[in-house]
């Protein structure tokens, strides 16, 4: 089954779209229940959605926190 997930899985509070794939929480949760046609339709909308999200999640990621701690900041 095709999926746009890139394992970012953080939702933009402003738009409601995932920073990584552009889907909503509802779409992510129901992804396996959609037909191929429904998934394809959603995937066609994702590039435009991703243009509307902020480029970085607002919360600190584990990777950035570890880098900050490693650098003594």
N, C-alpha and C. Protein backbone atom coordinates (compact mmCIF):
# COMPACT_ATOMS: atom_id res chain seq x y z
N UNK A 1 0.85 -1.18 0.00
CA UNK A 1 0.00 0.00 0.00
C UNK A 1 0.89 1.24 0.00
N UNK A 2 0.65 2.12 -0.92
CA UNK A 2 1.43 3.35 -1.02
C UNK A 2 1.07 4.30 0.11
N UNK A 3 2.10 4.95 0.66
CA UNK A 3 1.89 5.92 1.73
C UNK A 3 2.89 7.06 1.56
N UNK A 4 2.45 8.29 1.85
CA UNK A 4 3.36 9.43 1.75
C UNK A 4 4.18 9.66 3.02
N UNK A 5 4.02 8.81 4.01
CA UNK A 5 4.67 9.00 5.31
C UNK A 5 6.20 9.01 5.17
N UNK A 6 6.84 10.01 5.82
CA UNK A 6 8.30 10.05 5.86
C UNK A 6 8.79 10.03 7.31
N UNK A 7 7.93 9.58 8.22
CA UNK A 7 8.25 9.39 9.64
C UNK A 7 8.58 10.69 10.37
N UNK A 8 7.97 11.79 9.97
CA UNK A 8 8.10 13.04 10.71
C UNK A 8 6.98 13.11 11.75
N UNK A 9 5.76 12.90 11.33
CA UNK A 9 4.61 12.71 12.22
C UNK A 9 4.43 13.78 13.28
N UNK A 10 4.48 15.03 12.87
CA UNK A 10 4.20 16.16 13.73
C UNK A 10 3.22 17.07 12.99
N UNK A 11 2.14 17.45 13.67
CA UNK A 11 1.08 18.22 13.03
C UNK A 11 1.30 19.72 13.24
N UNK A 12 1.18 20.48 12.17
CA UNK A 12 1.25 21.95 12.22
C UNK A 12 -0.05 22.45 12.85
N UNK A 13 0.05 23.14 13.98
CA UNK A 13 -1.14 23.63 14.68
C UNK A 13 -1.94 24.62 13.84
N UNK A 14 -1.26 25.36 13.00
CA UNK A 14 -1.93 26.39 12.21
C UNK A 14 -2.79 25.79 11.10
N UNK A 15 -2.26 24.79 10.39
CA UNK A 15 -2.99 24.24 9.24
C UNK A 15 -3.67 22.91 9.53
N UNK A 16 -3.17 22.17 10.52
CA UNK A 16 -3.70 20.83 10.79
C UNK A 16 -3.09 19.76 9.93
N UNK A 17 -2.06 20.09 9.16
CA UNK A 17 -1.39 19.14 8.28
C UNK A 17 -0.08 18.67 8.91
N UNK A 18 0.28 17.42 8.63
CA UNK A 18 1.56 16.88 9.09
C UNK A 18 2.70 17.59 8.37
N UNK A 19 3.75 17.95 9.12
CA UNK A 19 4.92 18.61 8.53
C UNK A 19 5.61 17.71 7.50
N UNK A 20 5.54 16.42 7.70
CA UNK A 20 6.25 15.49 6.82
C UNK A 20 5.50 15.12 5.57
N UNK A 21 4.22 14.76 5.72
CA UNK A 21 3.49 14.23 4.55
C UNK A 21 2.34 15.11 4.08
N UNK A 22 1.84 16.00 4.94
CA UNK A 22 0.76 16.88 4.52
C UNK A 22 -0.64 16.37 4.82
N UNK A 23 -0.74 15.17 5.40
CA UNK A 23 -2.07 14.63 5.71
C UNK A 23 -2.58 15.18 7.04
N UNK A 24 -3.89 15.12 7.23
CA UNK A 24 -4.49 15.49 8.51
C UNK A 24 -4.41 14.29 9.47
N UNK A 25 -4.68 14.55 10.74
CA UNK A 25 -4.72 13.44 11.71
C UNK A 25 -5.73 12.38 11.29
N UNK A 26 -6.89 12.84 10.84
CA UNK A 26 -7.94 11.92 10.44
C UNK A 26 -7.50 11.06 9.25
N UNK A 27 -6.84 11.68 8.29
CA UNK A 27 -6.37 10.94 7.12
C UNK A 27 -5.29 9.92 7.50
N UNK A 28 -4.41 10.32 8.39
CA UNK A 28 -3.36 9.40 8.83
C UNK A 28 -3.99 8.20 9.53
N UNK A 29 -4.93 8.46 10.43
CA UNK A 29 -5.57 7.40 11.18
C UNK A 29 -6.39 6.44 10.35
N UNK A 30 -6.97 6.94 9.28
CA UNK A 30 -7.87 6.12 8.46
C UNK A 30 -7.20 5.64 7.17
N UNK A 31 -5.91 5.88 7.01
CA UNK A 31 -5.22 5.61 5.75
C UNK A 31 -5.46 4.20 5.23
N UNK A 32 -5.37 3.21 6.10
CA UNK A 32 -5.53 1.82 5.65
C UNK A 32 -6.97 1.48 5.31
N UNK A 33 -7.90 2.33 5.71
CA UNK A 33 -9.32 2.08 5.42
C UNK A 33 -9.77 2.68 4.09
N UNK A 34 -8.98 3.61 3.55
CA UNK A 34 -9.32 4.25 2.29
C UNK A 34 -9.11 3.29 1.11
N UNK A 35 -9.87 3.52 0.07
CA UNK A 35 -9.65 2.78 -1.17
C UNK A 35 -8.42 3.34 -1.87
N UNK A 36 -7.90 2.62 -2.86
CA UNK A 36 -6.76 3.12 -3.63
C UNK A 36 -7.10 4.47 -4.27
N UNK A 37 -8.32 4.61 -4.74
CA UNK A 37 -8.75 5.86 -5.38
C UNK A 37 -8.76 7.00 -4.37
N UNK A 38 -9.25 6.76 -3.16
CA UNK A 38 -9.27 7.80 -2.14
C UNK A 38 -7.85 8.20 -1.73
N UNK A 39 -6.98 7.22 -1.55
CA UNK A 39 -5.59 7.53 -1.19
C UNK A 39 -4.91 8.33 -2.30
N UNK A 40 -5.15 7.93 -3.55
CA UNK A 40 -4.56 8.64 -4.68
C UNK A 40 -5.04 10.10 -4.71
N UNK A 41 -6.31 10.31 -4.47
CA UNK A 41 -6.87 11.66 -4.47
C UNK A 41 -6.23 12.52 -3.38
N UNK A 42 -6.07 11.96 -2.20
CA UNK A 42 -5.43 12.69 -1.10
C UNK A 42 -3.98 13.00 -1.46
N UNK A 43 -3.29 12.02 -2.01
CA UNK A 43 -1.88 12.22 -2.35
C UNK A 43 -1.68 13.31 -3.40
N UNK A 44 -2.65 13.47 -4.28
CA UNK A 44 -2.57 14.53 -5.28
C UNK A 44 -2.62 15.91 -4.63
N UNK A 45 -3.29 16.04 -3.49
CA UNK A 45 -3.44 17.32 -2.80
C UNK A 45 -2.25 17.65 -1.90
N UNK A 46 -1.42 16.68 -1.59
CA UNK A 46 -0.37 16.88 -0.59
C UNK A 46 0.69 17.93 -0.96
N UNK A 47 1.19 17.99 -2.18
CA UNK A 47 2.19 19.02 -2.48
C UNK A 47 1.68 20.44 -2.20
N UNK A 48 0.46 20.73 -2.55
CA UNK A 48 -0.10 22.06 -2.30
C UNK A 48 -0.26 22.30 -0.80
N UNK A 49 -0.66 21.28 -0.08
CA UNK A 49 -0.81 21.41 1.38
C UNK A 49 0.53 21.70 2.03
N UNK A 50 1.56 20.99 1.60
CA UNK A 50 2.88 21.17 2.21
C UNK A 50 3.43 22.58 1.99
N UNK A 51 2.97 23.24 0.96
CA UNK A 51 3.38 24.63 0.73
C UNK A 51 2.81 25.56 1.79
N UNK A 52 1.75 25.14 2.49
CA UNK A 52 1.10 26.01 3.46
C UNK A 52 1.57 25.79 4.90
N UNK A 53 2.33 24.73 5.15
CA UNK A 53 2.80 24.48 6.53
C UNK A 53 4.11 25.19 6.76
N UNK A 54 4.38 25.48 8.02
CA UNK A 54 5.66 26.06 8.37
C UNK A 54 6.73 25.02 8.08
N UNK A 55 7.89 25.43 7.78
CA UNK A 55 8.94 24.49 7.39
C UNK A 55 9.47 23.67 8.56
N UNK A 56 9.37 24.18 9.78
CA UNK A 56 9.89 23.45 10.93
C UNK A 56 8.78 23.23 11.94
N UNK A 57 8.77 22.09 12.60
CA UNK A 57 7.83 21.90 13.70
C UNK A 57 8.11 22.92 14.80
N UNK A 58 7.09 23.33 15.53
CA UNK A 58 7.29 24.30 16.59
C UNK A 58 7.95 23.69 17.81
N UNK A 59 7.78 22.38 17.98
CA UNK A 59 8.39 21.76 19.15
C UNK A 59 9.80 21.29 18.82
N UNK A 60 10.60 21.21 19.83
CA UNK A 60 11.97 20.75 19.64
C UNK A 60 11.95 19.24 19.40
N UNK A 61 12.66 18.80 18.40
CA UNK A 61 12.73 17.38 18.11
C UNK A 61 13.80 16.72 18.98
N UNK A 62 13.70 15.42 19.13
CA UNK A 62 14.69 14.68 19.93
C UNK A 62 16.09 14.89 19.36
N UNK A 63 16.19 14.84 18.04
CA UNK A 63 17.50 15.01 17.40
C UNK A 63 18.10 16.39 17.69
N UNK A 64 17.30 17.44 17.59
CA UNK A 64 17.82 18.79 17.84
C UNK A 64 18.15 18.99 19.31
N UNK A 65 17.35 18.39 20.22
CA UNK A 65 17.64 18.48 21.64
C UNK A 65 18.96 17.80 21.98
N UNK A 66 19.17 16.61 21.41
CA UNK A 66 20.42 15.88 21.66
C UNK A 66 21.62 16.67 21.15
N UNK A 67 21.49 17.29 19.98
CA UNK A 67 22.58 18.10 19.42
C UNK A 67 22.86 19.31 20.31
N UNK A 68 21.80 19.95 20.79
CA UNK A 68 21.96 21.11 21.68
C UNK A 68 22.66 20.69 22.97
N UNK A 69 22.23 19.58 23.54
CA UNK A 69 22.85 19.10 24.78
C UNK A 69 24.31 18.69 24.57
N UNK A 70 24.60 18.10 23.43
CA UNK A 70 25.96 17.69 23.11
C UNK A 70 26.90 18.90 22.99
N UNK A 71 26.34 19.99 22.47
CA UNK A 71 27.14 21.21 22.28
C UNK A 71 27.17 22.09 23.52
N UNK A 72 26.51 21.65 24.59
CA UNK A 72 26.54 22.40 25.85
C UNK A 72 25.70 23.66 25.85
N UNK A 73 24.77 23.78 24.95
CA UNK A 73 23.94 24.99 24.89
C UNK A 73 22.81 24.92 25.89
